[in-house]
Amino acid sequence: MPPTVLVTGANGFLGRHLVAELLRRNYGVRALVRPPHRLAASPLPPLQNMPIECFEGDIGQPATVAGAADGCTAIIHAAALAQVNPARNPAVWAVNDAGTATVLRLARQAQVERFVYVGTANVFGFGTLANPGDETRPYAGAQYRLDYMDSKRAATGRVLQAVADWQLPAVLVHPTFMLGPGDAKPTSNALLLELYRGRLLGYPPGGKNYVHVRDVAVATVNALNLGRVGESYILGNQNLSYCDAFHLMARVMGSPPPRWPIPAAVAQLFGAACDWKYRLTGQPAQVNPAMVAVANDGHYFSVQKATAELSLPQTALEEAIREAFAWFKEHHYV
């Protein structure tokens, strides 16, 4: 019998690619999914039609996932709530931090041989295009007051504490901004749709690191056998300013690029106006001040450690954009 891997967040954008990569390598897969997992409106094939086992439960409700890892040799914990608007949201902590504590307990009870935690590169200090950040730089995201970043940093600390306290055989992977096919919600790839539909009239002064989602899946599954216990690895590829990234995306999709740079001060004023709207109506506006502050900074990272130790592939960003846009067209998003 092949070893069985429990995958949390298996219905998500990255989770679907993780399941596919595990099956390609002949692993057994148990997908931990929140009920109901039959997503009739999804253009993706339901997980229950794949040769895997589905376990219904919610990591936010520990009693519902009791025994989910029994018989599994490894866990890939990819479940997360990546919501940044509103900036403060208790639900984000319930999933990202408390949910990670629940999955760690499952790992200890099942005595798994490997635990791969999927975090975010934002738990490290970012750098410039000339001197990008890496895994050695301390967390710099507290300044934004975003529960998503803060909760993922707390969860990372939980995993590292488990390594120290009870020798959890954990490897931590931290993706940057993922693009590629199969983003049914959509999540990160919504940026491509907004750009294609002409809703991005300008570009902020910052930038970020981009990576193909399939490369992240490959390196994450590699971490079941590669990488050093207790070590973190940034999974990314290309650092680009928003100006350069948006022009590349527009060229690949055949759409006009945003025309005007948005000065940081102007973006801040718009974020403040949106925040007042939220305070008055109780409904999240288009952006919030924290999102604006992030966009005004350059979140650039080095991926040298992951390419060397986890054999992280480096698919061209242009290919990730092309595949994502083709998938959107095939499934009638555009």
C-alpha atoms as a PDB file:
ATOM      1  CA  MET A   1       0.000   0.000   0.000  1.00  0.00           C
ATOM      2  CA  PRO A   2       1.319   3.487  -0.840  1.00  0.00           C
ATOM      3  CA  PRO A   3       1.745   5.921   2.074  1.00  0.00           C
ATOM      4  CA  THR A   4      -1.329   8.053   2.746  1.00  0.00           C
ATOM      5  CA  VAL A   5      -1.096  11.822   3.122  1.00  0.00           C
ATOM      6  CA  LEU A   6      -3.777  13.903   4.834  1.00  0.00           C
ATOM      7  CA  VAL A   7      -4.286  17.178   2.954  1.00  0.00           C
ATOM      8  CA  THR A   8      -6.140  20.022   4.642  1.00  0.00           C
ATOM      9  CA  GLY A   9      -7.572  22.704   2.391  1.00  0.00           C
ATOM     10  CA  ALA A  10      -7.791  20.170  -0.436  1.00  0.00           C
ATOM     11  CA  ASN A  11     -10.673  22.031  -2.109  1.00  0.00           C
ATOM     12  CA  GLY A  12      -8.686  25.256  -2.399  1.00  0.00           C
ATOM     13  CA  PHE A  13      -6.657  26.660  -5.277  1.00  0.00           C
ATOM     14  CA  LEU A  14      -3.344  25.215  -4.077  1.00  0.00           C
ATOM     15  CA  GLY A  15      -5.040  22.200  -2.486  1.00  0.00           C
ATOM     16  CA  ARG A  16      -6.350  20.904  -5.821  1.00  0.00           C
ATOM     17  CA  HIS A  17      -2.850  21.042  -7.267  1.00  0.00           C
ATOM     18  CA  LEU A  18      -1.431  19.307  -4.196  1.00  0.00           C
ATOM     19  CA  VAL A  19      -3.915  16.449  -4.559  1.00  0.00           C
ATOM     20  CA  ALA A  20      -3.095  16.091  -8.266  1.00  0.00           C
ATOM     21  CA  GLU A  21       0.650  16.083  -7.592  1.00  0.00           C
ATOM     22  CA  LEU A  22       0.320  13.492  -4.821  1.00  0.00           C
ATOM     23  CA  LEU A  23      -1.746  11.224  -7.058  1.00  0.00           C
ATOM     24  CA  ARG A  24       0.775  11.648  -9.875  1.00  0.00           C
ATOM     25  CA  ARG A  25       3.419  10.264  -7.508  1.00  0.00           C
ATOM     26  CA  ASN A  26       1.168   7.375  -6.390  1.00  0.00           C
ATOM     27  CA  TYR A  27       0.554   8.576  -2.850  1.00  0.00           C
ATOM     28  CA  GLY A  28      -2.704   7.735  -1.159  1.00  0.00           C
ATOM     29  CA  VAL A  29      -4.662  10.906  -0.407  1.00  0.00           C
ATOM     30  CA  ARG A  30      -7.127  11.662   2.364  1.00  0.00           C
ATOM     31  CA  ALA A  31      -8.686  15.086   1.816  1.00  0.00           C
ATOM     32  CA  LEU A  32      -9.969  16.923   4.867  1.00  0.00           C
ATOM     33  CA  VAL A  33     -12.848  19.047   3.574  1.00  0.00           C
ATOM     34  CA  ARG A  34     -15.574  21.072   5.194  1.00  0.00           C
ATOM     35  CA  PRO A  35     -19.087  19.681   4.660  1.00  0.00           C
ATOM     36  CA  PRO A  36     -20.695  19.839   2.235  1.00  0.00           C
ATOM     37  CA  HIS A  37     -17.764  19.183  -0.090  1.00  0.00           C
ATOM     38  CA  ARG A  38     -19.916  18.623  -3.170  1.00  0.00           C
ATOM     39  CA  LEU A  39     -19.526  21.978  -4.838  1.00  0.00           C
ATOM     40  CA  ALA A  40     -22.131  21.775  -7.594  1.00  0.00           C
ATOM     41  CA  ALA A  41     -21.381  25.275  -8.836  1.00  0.00           C
ATOM     42  CA  SER A  42     -17.646  24.641  -9.167  1.00  0.00           C
ATOM     43  CA  PRO A  43     -16.238  24.183 -12.686  1.00  0.00           C
ATOM     44  CA  LEU A  44     -13.653  21.823 -11.203  1.00  0.00           C
ATOM     45  CA  PRO A  45     -14.289  18.083 -10.927  1.00  0.00           C
ATOM     46  CA  PRO A  46     -15.469  17.294  -7.393  1.00  0.00           C
ATOM     47  CA  LEU A  47     -12.917  15.673  -5.134  1.00  0.00           C
ATOM     48  CA  GLN A  48     -15.157  12.673  -4.603  1.00  0.00           C
ATOM     49  CA  ASN A  49     -14.715  11.791  -8.293  1.00  0.00           C
ATOM     50  CA  MET A  50     -10.969  11.430  -7.757  1.00  0.00           C
ATOM     51  CA  PRO A  51      -9.316   8.263  -6.400  1.00  0.00           C
ATOM     52  CA  ILE A  52      -8.985   9.704  -2.911  1.00  0.00           C
ATOM     53  CA  GLU A  53     -10.696   9.464   0.459  1.00  0.00           C
ATOM     54  CA  CYS A  54     -12.675  12.474   1.684  1.00  0.00           C
ATOM     55  CA  PHE A  55     -12.969  13.150   5.404  1.00  0.00           C
ATOM     56  CA  GLU A  56     -15.602  15.743   6.289  1.00  0.00           C
ATOM     57  CA  GLY A  57     -14.718  18.070   9.125  1.00  0.00           C
ATOM     58  CA  ASP A  58     -13.841  21.629  10.072  1.00  0.00           C
ATOM     59  CA  ILE A  59     -10.502  22.481  11.704  1.00  0.00           C
ATOM     60  CA  GLY A  60     -12.298  25.337  13.413  1.00  0.00           C
ATOM     61  CA  GLN A  61     -14.363  22.709  15.266  1.00  0.00           C
ATOM     62  CA  PRO A  62     -11.838  20.196  16.661  1.00  0.00           C
ATOM     63  CA  ALA A  63     -14.387  17.521  17.551  1.00  0.00           C
ATOM     64  CA  THR A  64     -15.351  17.169  13.880  1.00  0.00           C
ATOM     65  CA  VAL A  65     -11.853  16.194  12.768  1.00  0.00           C
ATOM     66  CA  ALA A  66     -11.017  13.657  15.460  1.00  0.00           C
ATOM     67  CA  GLY A  67      -9.198  10.727  13.873  1.00  0.00           C
ATOM     68  CA  ALA A  68      -8.763  12.452  10.514  1.00  0.00           C
ATOM     69  CA  ALA A  69      -5.053  11.612  10.410  1.00  0.00           C
ATOM     70  CA  ASP A  70      -5.294   8.061  11.760  1.00  0.00           C
ATOM     71  CA  GLY A  71      -3.373   5.743   9.457  1.00  0.00           C
ATOM     72  CA  CYS A  72      -1.691   8.618   7.609  1.00  0.00           C
ATOM     73  CA  THR A  73       2.094   8.772   7.400  1.00  0.00           C
ATOM     74  CA  ALA A  74       2.166  12.507   6.674  1.00  0.00           C
ATOM     75  CA  ILE A  75       0.084  15.683   6.752  1.00  0.00           C
ATOM     76  CA  ILE A  76       0.189  18.642   4.380  1.00  0.00           C
ATOM     77  CA  HIS A  77      -1.591  21.460   6.179  1.00  0.00           C
ATOM     78  CA  ALA A  78      -2.683  23.907   3.478  1.00  0.00           C
ATOM     79  CA  ALA A  79      -6.028  25.066   4.883  1.00  0.00           C
ATOM     80  CA  ALA A  80      -6.146  28.814   5.503  1.00  0.00           C
ATOM     81  CA  LEU A  81      -8.424  31.804   5.310  1.00  0.00           C
ATOM     82  CA  ALA A  82      -6.592  34.363   3.171  1.00  0.00           C
ATOM     83  CA  GLN A  83      -9.033  37.198   3.722  1.00  0.00           C
ATOM     84  CA  VAL A  84      -7.570  40.715   3.989  1.00  0.00           C
ATOM     85  CA  ASN A  85     -10.752  42.793   3.792  1.00  0.00           C
ATOM     86  CA  PRO A  86     -11.779  43.690   6.442  1.00  0.00           C
ATOM     87  CA  ALA A  87      -8.289  43.843   7.905  1.00  0.00           C
ATOM     88  CA  ARG A  88      -9.460  42.642  11.314  1.00  0.00           C
ATOM     89  CA  ASN A  89     -11.552  39.479  11.368  1.00  0.00           C
ATOM     90  CA  PRO A  90     -11.758  36.881  14.182  1.00  0.00           C
ATOM     91  CA  ALA A  91     -12.644  34.176  11.636  1.00  0.00           C
ATOM     92  CA  VAL A  92      -9.157  34.503  10.153  1.00  0.00           C
ATOM     93  CA  TRP A  93      -7.597  33.688  13.527  1.00  0.00           C
ATOM     94  CA  ALA A  94     -10.012  30.799  14.085  1.00  0.00           C
ATOM     95  CA  VAL A  95      -8.860  29.092  10.891  1.00  0.00           C
ATOM     96  CA  ASN A  96      -5.227  30.101  10.523  1.00  0.00           C
ATOM     97  CA  ASP A  97      -4.033  29.974  14.131  1.00  0.00           C
ATOM     98  CA  ALA A  98      -6.483  27.900  16.173  1.00  0.00           C
ATOM     99  CA  GLY A  99      -7.049  25.603  13.181  1.00  0.00           C
ATOM    100  CA  THR A 100      -3.323  24.970  12.923  1.00  0.00           C
ATOM    101  CA  ALA A 101      -3.257  24.038  16.615  1.00  0.00           C
ATOM    102  CA  THR A 102      -5.989  21.494  15.881  1.00  0.00           C
ATOM    103  CA  VAL A 103      -4.071  19.945  12.990  1.00  0.00           C
ATOM    104  CA  LEU A 104      -0.904  19.807  15.084  1.00  0.00           C
ATOM    105  CA  ARG A 105      -2.790  17.757  17.661  1.00  0.00           C
ATOM    106  CA  LEU A 106      -3.880  15.389  14.891  1.00  0.00           C
ATOM    107  CA  ALA A 107      -0.258  15.039  13.809  1.00  0.00           C
ATOM    108  CA  ARG A 108       0.878  14.205  17.331  1.00  0.00           C
ATOM    109  CA  GLN A 109      -1.885  11.664  17.885  1.00  0.00           C
ATOM    110  CA  ALA A 110      -1.168   9.936  14.554  1.00  0.00           C
ATOM    111  CA  GLN A 111       2.618  10.133  15.069  1.00  0.00           C
ATOM    112  CA  VAL A 112       3.127  11.160  11.467  1.00  0.00           C
ATOM    113  CA  GLU A 113       6.539  10.842   9.875  1.00  0.00           C
ATOM    114  CA  ARG A 114       6.335  14.270   8.220  1.00  0.00           C
ATOM    115  CA  PHE A 115       4.286  17.420   8.682  1.00  0.00           C
ATOM    116  CA  VAL A 116       4.423  20.018   5.916  1.00  0.00           C
ATOM    117  CA  TYR A 117       2.989  23.380   6.919  1.00  0.00           C
ATOM    118  CA  VAL A 118       1.963  25.795   4.150  1.00  0.00           C
ATOM    119  CA  GLY A 119       2.440  29.336   5.384  1.00  0.00           C
ATOM    120  CA  THR A 120       3.098  32.570   3.509  1.00  0.00           C
ATOM    121  CA  ALA A 121       6.260  34.437   2.564  1.00  0.00           C
ATOM    122  CA  ASN A 122       4.776  37.452   4.357  1.00  0.00           C
ATOM    123  CA  VAL A 123       5.894  36.029   7.706  1.00  0.00           C
ATOM    124  CA  PHE A 124       9.434  37.091   6.770  1.00  0.00           C
ATOM    125  CA  GLY A 125      10.927  40.507   6.242  1.00  0.00           C
ATOM    126  CA  PHE A 126      10.732  41.612   2.628  1.00  0.00           C
ATOM    127  CA  GLY A 127      13.454  43.418   0.733  1.00  0.00           C
ATOM    128  CA  THR A 128      14.155  45.388  -2.412  1.00  0.00           C
ATOM    129  CA  LEU A 129      14.559  44.230  -5.980  1.00  0.00           C
ATOM    130  CA  ALA A 130      18.317  44.529  -5.553  1.00  0.00           C
ATOM    131  CA  ASN A 131      18.360  42.939  -2.075  1.00  0.00           C
ATOM    132  CA  PRO A 132      15.284  40.723  -1.639  1.00  0.00           C
ATOM    133  CA  GLY A 133      14.220  39.304   1.693  1.00  0.00           C
ATOM    134  CA  ASP A 134      14.778  35.706   2.733  1.00  0.00           C
ATOM    135  CA  GLU A 135      14.008  33.227   5.491  1.00  0.00           C
ATOM    136  CA  THR A 136      16.473  34.864   7.888  1.00  0.00           C
ATOM    137  CA  ARG A 137      14.705  38.230   8.055  1.00  0.00           C
ATOM    138  CA  PRO A 138      12.330  38.851  10.977  1.00  0.00           C
ATOM    139  CA  TYR A 139       8.634  39.416  10.494  1.00  0.00           C
ATOM    140  CA  ALA A 140       7.869  42.889   9.157  1.00  0.00           C
ATOM    141  CA  GLY A 141       4.128  42.578   8.595  1.00  0.00           C
ATOM    142  CA  ALA A 142       2.914  43.734  12.025  1.00  0.00           C
ATOM    143  CA  GLN A 143       2.977  47.321  10.761  1.00  0.00           C
ATOM    144  CA  TYR A 144       0.022  46.599   8.462  1.00  0.00           C
ATOM    145  CA  ARG A 145      -2.350  45.423  11.213  1.00  0.00           C
ATOM    146  CA  LEU A 146      -3.691  42.652   8.975  1.00  0.00           C
ATOM    147  CA  ASP A 147      -5.121  39.647  10.777  1.00  0.00           C
ATOM    148  CA  TYR A 148      -4.178  37.409   7.848  1.00  0.00           C
ATOM    149  CA  MET A 149      -0.463  38.123   8.147  1.00  0.00           C
ATOM    150  CA  ASP A 150      -0.477  38.213  11.944  1.00  0.00           C
ATOM    151  CA  SER A 151      -2.390  34.929  12.234  1.00  0.00           C
ATOM    152  CA  LYS A 152      -0.086  33.154   9.787  1.00  0.00           C
ATOM    153  CA  ARG A 153       2.914  34.383  11.756  1.00  0.00           C
ATOM    154  CA  ALA A 154       1.357  33.037  14.945  1.00  0.00           C
ATOM    155  CA  ALA A 155       0.637  29.686  13.275  1.00  0.00           C
ATOM    156  CA  THR A 156       4.219  29.466  12.027  1.00  0.00           C
ATOM    157  CA  GLY A 157       5.336  29.970  15.612  1.00  0.00           C
ATOM    158  CA  ARG A 158       3.057  27.132  16.736  1.00  0.00           C
ATOM    159  CA  VAL A 159       4.634  24.717  14.264  1.00  0.00           C
ATOM    160  CA  LEU A 160       8.176  25.697  15.246  1.00  0.00           C
ATOM    161  CA  GLN A 161       7.248  25.314  18.929  1.00  0.00           C
ATOM    162  CA  ALA A 162       5.954  21.795  18.235  1.00  0.00           C
ATOM    163  CA  VAL A 163       9.276  20.976  16.551  1.00  0.00           C
ATOM    164  CA  ALA A 164      11.119  22.150  19.647  1.00  0.00           C
ATOM    165  CA  ASP A 165       8.787  20.740  22.308  1.00  0.00           C
ATOM    166  CA  TRP A 166       7.909  17.304  20.956  1.00  0.00           C
ATOM    167  CA  GLN A 167      10.161  16.835  17.940  1.00  0.00           C
ATOM    168  CA  LEU A 168       7.455  17.214  15.322  1.00  0.00           C
ATOM    169  CA  PRO A 169       9.134  16.272  12.005  1.00  0.00           C
ATOM    170  CA  ALA A 170       7.902  19.437  10.291  1.00  0.00           C
ATOM    171  CA  VAL A 171       9.074  21.335   7.232  1.00  0.00           C
ATOM    172  CA  LEU A 172       7.543  24.760   6.586  1.00  0.00           C
ATOM    173  CA  VAL A 173       6.926  26.115   3.076  1.00  0.00           C
ATOM    174  CA  HIS A 174       5.897  29.702   2.443  1.00  0.00           C
ATOM    175  CA  PRO A 175       4.491  30.556  -0.998  1.00  0.00           C
ATOM    176  CA  THR A 176       4.522  34.025  -2.493  1.00  0.00           C
ATOM    177  CA  PHE A 177       1.706  35.200  -4.821  1.00  0.00           C
ATOM    178  CA  MET A 178       0.422  32.197  -6.769  1.00  0.00           C
ATOM    179  CA  LEU A 179      -0.910  32.316 -10.339  1.00  0.00           C
ATOM    180  CA  GLY A 180      -2.056  29.495 -12.591  1.00  0.00           C
ATOM    181  CA  PRO A 181      -5.052  27.454 -13.755  1.00  0.00           C
ATOM    182  CA  GLY A 182      -7.872  26.104 -11.619  1.00  0.00           C
ATOM    183  CA  ASP A 183      -8.614  29.089  -9.382  1.00  0.00           C
ATOM    184  CA  ALA A 184     -12.362  28.513  -9.259  1.00  0.00           C
ATOM    185  CA  LYS A 185     -13.305  31.045  -6.568  1.00  0.00           C
ATOM    186  CA  PRO A 186     -11.214  32.908  -7.857  1.00  0.00           C
ATOM    187  CA  THR A 187      -8.637  34.006  -5.274  1.00  0.00           C
ATOM    188  CA  SER A 188      -5.209  35.346  -6.261  1.00  0.00           C
ATOM    189  CA  ASN A 189      -5.985  35.024  -9.972  1.00  0.00           C
ATOM    190  CA  ALA A 190      -8.851  37.502  -9.578  1.00  0.00           C
ATOM    191  CA  LEU A 191      -6.135  40.081 -10.251  1.00  0.00           C
ATOM    192  CA  LEU A 192      -5.955  38.841 -13.859  1.00  0.00           C
ATOM    193  CA  LEU A 193      -9.720  39.148 -14.302  1.00  0.00           C
ATOM    194  CA  GLU A 194      -9.771  42.674 -12.883  1.00  0.00           C
ATOM    195  CA  LEU A 195      -6.977  43.681 -15.220  1.00  0.00           C
ATOM    196  CA  TYR A 196      -8.582  42.060 -18.260  1.00  0.00           C
ATOM    197  CA  ARG A 197     -11.910  43.751 -17.531  1.00  0.00           C
ATOM    198  CA  GLY A 198     -10.243  47.162 -17.373  1.00  0.00           C
ATOM    199  CA  ARG A 199     -10.970  47.730 -13.691  1.00  0.00           C
ATOM    200  CA  LEU A 200      -7.360  48.493 -12.763  1.00  0.00           C
ATOM    201  CA  LEU A 201      -6.843  52.035 -13.978  1.00  0.00           C
ATOM    202  CA  GLY A 202      -3.426  52.493 -12.397  1.00  0.00           C
ATOM    203  CA  TYR A 203      -0.641  50.753 -10.551  1.00  0.00           C
ATOM    204  CA  PRO A 204       0.738  51.375  -7.046  1.00  0.00           C
ATOM    205  CA  PRO A 205       4.446  51.983  -6.414  1.00  0.00           C
ATOM    206  CA  GLY A 206       5.185  48.620  -4.773  1.00  0.00           C
ATOM    207  CA  GLY A 207       5.593  45.106  -6.078  1.00  0.00           C
ATOM    208  CA  LYS A 208       5.780  41.455  -5.084  1.00  0.00           C
ATOM    209  CA  ASN A 209       7.097  38.005  -5.914  1.00  0.00           C
ATOM    210  CA  TYR A 210       5.046  35.744  -8.189  1.00  0.00           C
ATOM    211  CA  VAL A 211       5.087  31.976  -8.665  1.00  0.00           C
ATOM    212  CA  HIS A 212       3.233  29.299 -10.657  1.00  0.00           C
ATOM    213  CA  VAL A 213       0.879  27.391  -8.355  1.00  0.00           C
ATOM    214  CA  ARG A 214       2.017  24.082  -9.824  1.00  0.00           C
ATOM    215  CA  ASP A 215       5.623  24.848  -8.838  1.00  0.00           C
ATOM    216  CA  VAL A 216       4.428  25.443  -5.285  1.00  0.00           C
ATOM    217  CA  ALA A 217       2.597  22.102  -5.310  1.00  0.00           C
ATOM    218  CA  VAL A 218       5.674  20.259  -6.594  1.00  0.00           C
ATOM    219  CA  ALA A 219       7.979  21.753  -3.968  1.00  0.00           C
ATOM    220  CA  THR A 220       5.429  21.186  -1.195  1.00  0.00           C
ATOM    221  CA  VAL A 221       5.133  17.496  -2.057  1.00  0.00           C
ATOM    222  CA  ASN A 222       8.933  17.346  -2.366  1.00  0.00           C
ATOM    223  CA  ALA A 223       9.029  18.517   1.252  1.00  0.00           C
ATOM    224  CA  LEU A 224       7.610  15.159   2.291  1.00  0.00           C
ATOM    225  CA  ASN A 225      11.083  13.756   1.646  1.00  0.00           C
ATOM    226  CA  LEU A 226      13.369  16.749   1.110  1.00  0.00           C
ATOM    227  CA  GLY A 227      14.222  19.717   3.297  1.00  0.00           C
ATOM    228  CA  ARG A 228      15.416  19.927   6.879  1.00  0.00           C
ATOM    229  CA  VAL A 229      13.122  19.483   9.859  1.00  0.00           C
ATOM    230  CA  GLY A 230      12.290  22.801  11.479  1.00  0.00           C
ATOM    231  CA  GLU A 231      13.401  24.831   8.463  1.00  0.00           C
ATOM    232  CA  SER A 232      11.323  27.295   6.449  1.00  0.00           C
ATOM    233  CA  TYR A 233      11.439  27.675   2.673  1.00  0.00           C
ATOM    234  CA  ILE A 234      10.073  30.569   0.599  1.00  0.00           C
ATOM    235  CA  LEU A 235       8.381  29.218  -2.530  1.00  0.00           C
ATOM    236  CA  GLY A 236       8.402  31.865  -5.225  1.00  0.00           C
ATOM    237  CA  ASN A 237       9.963  32.862  -8.508  1.00  0.00           C
ATOM    238  CA  GLN A 238       9.978  36.324 -10.081  1.00  0.00           C
ATOM    239  CA  ASN A 239      10.137  39.690  -8.339  1.00  0.00           C
ATOM    240  CA  LEU A 240       8.317  42.415 -10.279  1.00  0.00           C
ATOM    241  CA  SER A 241       7.050  45.901  -9.597  1.00  0.00           C
ATOM    242  CA  TYR A 242       3.305  46.262 -10.087  1.00  0.00           C
ATOM    243  CA  CYS A 243       4.017  48.356 -13.167  1.00  0.00           C
ATOM    244  CA  ASP A 244       6.084  45.607 -14.794  1.00  0.00           C
ATOM    245  CA  ALA A 245       3.797  42.797 -13.621  1.00  0.00           C
ATOM    246  CA  PHE A 246       0.601  44.449 -14.878  1.00  0.00           C
ATOM    247  CA  HIS A 247       2.164  45.204 -18.247  1.00  0.00           C
ATOM    248  CA  LEU A 248       3.295  41.575 -18.570  1.00  0.00           C
ATOM    249  CA  MET A 249      -0.165  40.278 -17.617  1.00  0.00           C
ATOM    250  CA  ALA A 250      -1.876  42.625 -20.060  1.00  0.00           C
ATOM    251  CA  ARG A 251       0.440  41.608 -22.884  1.00  0.00           C
ATOM    252  CA  VAL A 252      -0.189  37.893 -22.338  1.00  0.00           C
ATOM    253  CA  MET A 253      -3.965  38.375 -22.117  1.00  0.00           C
ATOM    254  CA  GLY A 254      -4.137  40.847 -25.004  1.00  0.00           C
ATOM    255  CA  SER A 255      -5.688  43.610 -22.919  1.00  0.00           C
ATOM    256  CA  PRO A 256      -4.667  47.235 -22.328  1.00  0.00           C
ATOM    257  CA  PRO A 257      -2.346  47.749 -19.345  1.00  0.00           C
ATOM    258  CA  PRO A 258      -3.143  50.260 -16.598  1.00  0.00           C
ATOM    259  CA  ARG A 259      -2.079  53.706 -17.772  1.00  0.00           C
ATOM    260  CA  TRP A 260      -1.211  55.746 -14.694  1.00  0.00           C
ATOM    261  CA  PRO A 261       1.038  55.348 -11.680  1.00  0.00           C
ATOM    262  CA  ILE A 262      -0.810  55.888  -8.401  1.00  0.00           C
ATOM    263  CA  PRO A 263       1.305  57.922  -5.952  1.00  0.00           C
ATOM    264  CA  ALA A 264       1.512  56.430  -2.475  1.00  0.00           C
ATOM    265  CA  ALA A 265      -0.154  59.472  -0.898  1.00  0.00           C
ATOM    266  CA  VAL A 266      -3.098  59.300  -3.288  1.00  0.00           C
ATOM    267  CA  ALA A 267      -3.523  55.586  -2.586  1.00  0.00           C
ATOM    268  CA  GLN A 268      -3.487  56.294   1.145  1.00  0.00           C
ATOM    269  CA  LEU A 269      -6.242  58.882   0.793  1.00  0.00           C
ATOM    270  CA  PHE A 270      -8.354  56.427  -1.176  1.00  0.00           C
ATOM    271  CA  GLY A 271      -7.778  53.745   1.454  1.00  0.00           C
ATOM    272  CA  ALA A 272      -8.834  56.147   4.203  1.00  0.00           C
ATOM    273  CA  ALA A 273     -12.022  57.022   2.298  1.00  0.00           C
ATOM    274  CA  CYS A 274     -12.823  53.342   1.908  1.00  0.00           C
ATOM    275  CA  ASP A 275     -12.241  52.830   5.618  1.00  0.00           C
ATOM    276  CA  TRP A 276     -14.751  55.572   6.455  1.00  0.00           C
ATOM    277  CA  LYS A 277     -17.261  53.915   4.150  1.00  0.00           C
ATOM    278  CA  TYR A 278     -16.757  50.637   5.996  1.00  0.00           C
ATOM    279  CA  ARG A 279     -17.193  52.306   9.379  1.00  0.00           C
ATOM    280  CA  LEU A 280     -20.417  53.992   8.267  1.00  0.00           C
ATOM    281  CA  THR A 281     -22.030  51.064   6.445  1.00  0.00           C
ATOM    282  CA  GLY A 282     -20.478  48.001   8.054  1.00  0.00           C
ATOM    283  CA  GLN A 283     -19.735  46.644   4.574  1.00  0.00           C
ATOM    284  CA  PRO A 284     -16.126  46.161   3.388  1.00  0.00           C
ATOM    285  CA  ALA A 285     -15.188  48.663   0.692  1.00  0.00           C
ATOM    286  CA  GLN A 286     -13.024  48.001  -2.352  1.00  0.00           C
ATOM    287  CA  VAL A 287      -9.814  48.265  -0.325  1.00  0.00           C
ATOM    288  CA  ASN A 288      -8.744  49.214   3.195  1.00  0.00           C
ATOM    289  CA  PRO A 289      -5.771  51.201   4.539  1.00  0.00           C
ATOM    290  CA  ALA A 290      -3.838  48.010   5.300  1.00  0.00           C
ATOM    291  CA  MET A 291      -4.199  46.743   1.726  1.00  0.00           C
ATOM    292  CA  VAL A 292      -3.021  50.107   0.429  1.00  0.00           C
ATOM    293  CA  ALA A 293       0.018  50.078   2.710  1.00  0.00           C
ATOM    294  CA  VAL A 294       0.970  46.615   1.454  1.00  0.00           C
ATOM    295  CA  ALA A 295       0.580  47.705  -2.176  1.00  0.00           C
ATOM    296  CA  ASN A 296       2.787  50.725  -1.598  1.00  0.00           C
ATOM    297  CA  ASP A 297       5.675  48.513  -0.429  1.00  0.00           C
ATOM    298  CA  GLY A 298       7.895  46.165  -2.400  1.00  0.00           C
ATOM    299  CA  HIS A 299       7.469  42.606  -1.088  1.00  0.00           C
ATOM    300  CA  TYR A 300      10.425  41.018  -2.830  1.00  0.00           C
ATOM    301  CA  PHE A 301      11.963  37.691  -1.798  1.00  0.00           C
ATOM    302  CA  SER A 302      14.811  35.352  -2.632  1.00  0.00           C
ATOM    303  CA  VAL A 303      13.930  31.707  -3.342  1.00  0.00           C
ATOM    304  CA  GLN A 304      17.491  30.390  -3.470  1.00  0.00           C
ATOM    305  CA  LYS A 305      17.060  28.153  -0.418  1.00  0.00           C
ATOM    306  CA  ALA A 306      13.954  26.395  -1.784  1.00  0.00           C
ATOM    307  CA  THR A 307      15.433  25.833  -5.242  1.00  0.00           C
ATOM    308  CA  ALA A 308      18.540  24.319  -3.674  1.00  0.00           C
ATOM    309  CA  GLU A 309      16.939  22.137  -0.990  1.00  0.00           C
ATOM    310  CA  LEU A 310      13.379  21.432  -2.197  1.00  0.00           C
ATOM    311  CA  SER A 311      14.046  21.384  -5.966  1.00  0.00           C
ATOM    312  CA  LEU A 312      11.506  24.184  -6.415  1.00  0.00           C
ATOM    313  CA  PRO A 313      10.751  24.490 -10.162  1.00  0.00           C
ATOM    314  CA  GLN A 314      10.919  27.917 -11.779  1.00  0.00           C
ATOM    315  CA  THR A 315       8.237  28.022 -14.460  1.00  0.00           C
ATOM    316  CA  ALA A 316       8.183  31.350 -16.274  1.00  0.00           C
ATOM    317  CA  LEU A 317       5.578  33.734 -14.905  1.00  0.00           C
ATOM    318  CA  GLU A 318       4.372  34.324 -18.455  1.00  0.00           C
ATOM    319  CA  GLU A 319       3.372  30.655 -18.636  1.00  0.00           C
ATOM    320  CA  ALA A 320       1.456  30.860 -15.346  1.00  0.00           C
ATOM    321  CA  ILE A 321      -0.501  33.861 -16.657  1.00  0.00           C
ATOM    322  CA  ARG A 322      -1.183  32.159 -19.982  1.00  0.00           C
ATOM    323  CA  GLU A 323      -2.454  28.960 -18.339  1.00  0.00           C
ATOM    324  CA  ALA A 324      -4.609  30.853 -15.850  1.00  0.00           C
ATOM    325  CA  PHE A 325      -6.198  33.010 -18.544  1.00  0.00           C
ATOM    326  CA  ALA A 326      -6.811  29.998 -20.812  1.00  0.00           C
ATOM    327  CA  TRP A 327      -8.522  28.231 -17.912  1.00  0.00           C
ATOM    328  CA  PHE A 328     -10.726  31.256 -17.237  1.00  0.00           C
ATOM    329  CA  LYS A 329     -11.742  31.400 -20.897  1.00  0.00           C
ATOM    330  CA  GLU A 330     -12.434  27.652 -21.024  1.00  0.00           C
ATOM    331  CA  HIS A 331     -14.710  27.916 -17.992  1.00  0.00           C
ATOM    332  CA  HIS A 332     -16.493  31.075 -19.151  1.00  0.00           C
ATOM    333  CA  TYR A 333     -15.146  33.561 -16.629  1.00  0.00           C
ATOM    334  CA  VAL A 334     -14.328  35.866 -19.544  1.00  0.00           C
END
